[in-house]
C-alpha atoms as a PDB file:
ATOM      1  CA  UNK A   1      -0.174  -0.247  -0.115  1.00  0.00           C
ATOM      2  CA  UNK A   2       0.885   3.394  -0.934  1.00  0.00           C
ATOM      3  CA  UNK A   3       1.847   6.195   1.629  1.00  0.00           C
ATOM      4  CA  UNK A   4      -1.070   8.456   0.960  1.00  0.00           C
ATOM      5  CA  UNK A   5      -3.345   6.022   1.393  1.00  0.00           C
ATOM      6  CA  UNK A   6      -1.298   4.624   4.668  1.00  0.00           C
ATOM      7  CA  UNK A   7      -1.992   8.188   5.780  1.00  0.00           C
ATOM      8  CA  UNK A   8      -5.334   8.611   4.019  1.00  0.00           C
ATOM      9  CA  UNK A   9      -6.246   5.577   6.283  1.00  0.00           C
ATOM     10  CA  UNK A  10      -5.038   7.191   9.212  1.00  0.00           C
ATOM     11  CA  UNK A  11      -6.552  10.005   9.573  1.00  0.00           C
ATOM     12  CA  UNK A  12      -9.717   8.813   8.198  1.00  0.00           C
ATOM     13  CA  UNK A  13     -10.435   6.301  11.267  1.00  0.00           C
ATOM     14  CA  UNK A  14      -9.208   8.572  13.924  1.00  0.00           C
ATOM     15  CA  UNK A  15     -10.027  12.097  12.144  1.00  0.00           C
ATOM     16  CA  UNK A  16      -6.729  13.618  13.137  1.00  0.00           C
ATOM     17  CA  UNK A  17      -4.066  14.923  11.006  1.00  0.00           C
ATOM     18  CA  UNK A  18      -6.839  17.020   8.891  1.00  0.00           C
ATOM     19  CA  UNK A  19     -10.231  19.033   9.080  1.00  0.00           C
ATOM     20  CA  UNK A  20     -13.909  16.767   8.305  1.00  0.00           C
ATOM     21  CA  UNK A  21     -16.620  18.744   6.821  1.00  0.00           C
ATOM     22  CA  UNK A  22     -20.414  18.118   6.084  1.00  0.00           C
ATOM     23  CA  UNK A  23     -22.070  19.637   3.753  1.00  0.00           C
ATOM     24  CA  UNK A  24     -25.919  20.863   4.804  1.00  0.00           C
ATOM     25  CA  UNK A  25     -27.498  18.325   3.692  1.00  0.00           C
ATOM     26  CA  UNK A  26     -25.661  16.152   6.013  1.00  0.00           C
ATOM     27  CA  UNK A  27     -25.542  18.900   8.509  1.00  0.00           C
ATOM     28  CA  UNK A  28     -28.866  19.034   8.557  1.00  0.00           C
ATOM     29  CA  UNK A  29     -29.270  15.495   9.723  1.00  0.00           C
ATOM     30  CA  UNK A  30     -30.440  14.301  13.063  1.00  0.00           C
ATOM     31  CA  UNK A  31     -27.060  14.362  15.537  1.00  0.00           C
ATOM     32  CA  UNK A  32     -27.530  10.275  15.521  1.00  0.00           C
ATOM     33  CA  UNK A  33     -27.445  10.064  12.113  1.00  0.00           C
ATOM     34  CA  UNK A  34     -24.618  12.313  11.629  1.00  0.00           C
ATOM     35  CA  UNK A  35     -22.914  10.152  14.011  1.00  0.00           C
ATOM     36  CA  UNK A  36     -23.115   6.971  12.291  1.00  0.00           C
ATOM     37  CA  UNK A  37     -22.346   8.749   9.043  1.00  0.00           C
ATOM     38  CA  UNK A  38     -19.181   9.143  10.923  1.00  0.00           C
ATOM     39  CA  UNK A  39     -18.333   5.686  11.719  1.00  0.00           C
ATOM     40  CA  UNK A  40     -19.607   3.943   8.552  1.00  0.00           C
ATOM     41  CA  UNK A  41     -16.797   6.243   7.234  1.00  0.00           C
ATOM     42  CA  UNK A  42     -13.889   5.261   9.673  1.00  0.00           C
ATOM     43  CA  UNK A  43     -14.915   1.963   9.132  1.00  0.00           C
ATOM     44  CA  UNK A  44     -14.932   2.017   5.276  1.00  0.00           C
ATOM     45  CA  UNK A  45     -12.886  -0.775   4.232  1.00  0.00           C
ATOM     46  CA  UNK A  46     -14.885  -1.689   0.919  1.00  0.00           C
ATOM     47  CA  UNK A  47     -12.291  -0.428  -1.586  1.00  0.00           C
ATOM     48  CA  UNK A  48     -11.929  -2.056  -5.029  1.00  0.00           C
ATOM     49  CA  UNK A  49     -10.082  -1.228  -8.771  1.00  0.00           C
ATOM     50  CA  UNK A  50     -13.356   0.436  -9.572  1.00  0.00           C
ATOM     51  CA  UNK A  51     -13.847   3.345  -7.054  1.00  0.00           C
ATOM     52  CA  UNK A  52     -10.286   3.399  -5.555  1.00  0.00           C
ATOM     53  CA  UNK A  53      -8.125   3.059  -9.256  1.00  0.00           C
ATOM     54  CA  UNK A  54      -5.272   4.947  -7.814  1.00  0.00           C
ATOM     55  CA  UNK A  55      -5.062   2.995  -4.397  1.00  0.00           C
ATOM     56  CA  UNK A  56      -5.198   6.081  -2.576  1.00  0.00           C
ATOM     57  CA  UNK A  57      -8.431   5.485  -0.006  1.00  0.00           C
ATOM     58  CA  UNK A  58      -9.655   8.863  -0.699  1.00  0.00           C
ATOM     59  CA  UNK A  59     -13.328   8.403  -2.087  1.00  0.00           C
ATOM     60  CA  UNK A  60     -15.632   5.891  -0.582  1.00  0.00           C
ATOM     61  CA  UNK A  61     -19.719   5.209  -0.266  1.00  0.00           C
ATOM     62  CA  UNK A  62     -22.287   3.773   1.773  1.00  0.00           C
ATOM     63  CA  UNK A  63     -26.042   3.692   2.361  1.00  0.00           C
ATOM     64  CA  UNK A  64     -27.536   4.781   5.433  1.00  0.00           C
ATOM     65  CA  UNK A  65     -31.271   5.919   6.850  1.00  0.00           C
ATOM     66  CA  UNK A  66     -32.456   4.786   3.188  1.00  0.00           C
ATOM     67  CA  UNK A  67     -30.143   7.399   1.309  1.00  0.00           C
ATOM     68  CA  UNK A  68     -26.632   6.882  -0.386  1.00  0.00           C
ATOM     69  CA  UNK A  69     -23.756   8.803   1.002  1.00  0.00           C
ATOM     70  CA  UNK A  70     -20.255   9.997  -0.223  1.00  0.00           C
ATOM     71  CA  UNK A  71     -16.990  10.534   1.658  1.00  0.00           C
ATOM     72  CA  UNK A  72     -14.084  12.596  -0.038  1.00  0.00           C
ATOM     73  CA  UNK A  73     -10.554  13.193   1.038  1.00  0.00           C
ATOM     74  CA  UNK A  74      -8.712  16.177  -0.564  1.00  0.00           C
ATOM     75  CA  UNK A  75      -5.144  16.926  -0.612  1.00  0.00           C
ATOM     76  CA  UNK A  76      -4.347  20.950  -0.469  1.00  0.00           C
ATOM     77  CA  UNK A  77      -0.506  21.669  -0.514  1.00  0.00           C
ATOM     78  CA  UNK A  78       1.094  24.706   1.122  1.00  0.00           C
ATOM     79  CA  UNK A  79       3.638  25.598  -0.579  1.00  0.00           C
ATOM     80  CA  UNK A  80       4.853  28.934   1.361  1.00  0.00           C
ATOM     81  CA  UNK A  81       4.598  26.330   4.997  1.00  0.00           C
ATOM     82  CA  UNK A  82       7.078  23.855   5.418  1.00  0.00           C
ATOM     83  CA  UNK A  83       7.697  21.362   7.597  1.00  0.00           C
ATOM     84  CA  UNK A  84      10.779  20.476   9.668  1.00  0.00           C
ATOM     85  CA  UNK A  85      12.340  18.705   6.433  1.00  0.00           C
ATOM     86  CA  UNK A  86      11.445  21.835   4.761  1.00  0.00           C
ATOM     87  CA  UNK A  87       8.854  19.375   2.615  1.00  0.00           C
ATOM     88  CA  UNK A  88       5.660  21.635   1.903  1.00  0.00           C
ATOM     89  CA  UNK A  89       2.996  20.529   4.134  1.00  0.00           C
ATOM     90  CA  UNK A  90      -0.189  19.037   2.940  1.00  0.00           C
ATOM     91  CA  UNK A  91      -3.494  19.727   4.869  1.00  0.00           C
ATOM     92  CA  UNK A  92      -5.879  16.683   4.590  1.00  0.00           C
ATOM     93  CA  UNK A  93      -9.890  17.689   4.100  1.00  0.00           C
ATOM     94  CA  UNK A  94     -12.277  14.852   4.443  1.00  0.00           C
ATOM     95  CA  UNK A  95     -16.019  15.918   3.207  1.00  0.00           C
ATOM     96  CA  UNK A  96     -18.955  13.793   3.884  1.00  0.00           C
ATOM     97  CA  UNK A  97     -22.243  14.603   1.385  1.00  0.00           C
ATOM     98  CA  UNK A  98     -25.078  13.080   0.394  1.00  0.00           C
ATOM     99  CA  UNK A  99     -24.915  11.850  -2.720  1.00  0.00           C
ATOM    100  CA  UNK A 100     -27.549  13.950  -3.903  1.00  0.00           C
ATOM    101  CA  UNK A 101     -25.645  16.473  -3.017  1.00  0.00           C
ATOM    102  CA  UNK A 102     -22.319  15.947  -5.485  1.00  0.00           C
END
């Protein structure tokens, strides 16, 4: 498994090391549904060649309360901010959305 997939998996499972965002459609759902959606994202393991062609573990989908949800991890490089090794800092943003909002 490549390093991007490992870092994405770590972030997705712990929600540490990036930002987690929800679209308005998800944010308006009851708290218990949002909590279950987060658990579904953290527990996701259904990566296939079809939904993960680059092997980065950056997208998934699941069904919950009769709705299809998508989640996506995007990487944003901060070219003007360097880490201790002098490399640009990369920020991870995980967005959870209803498929109907895509």
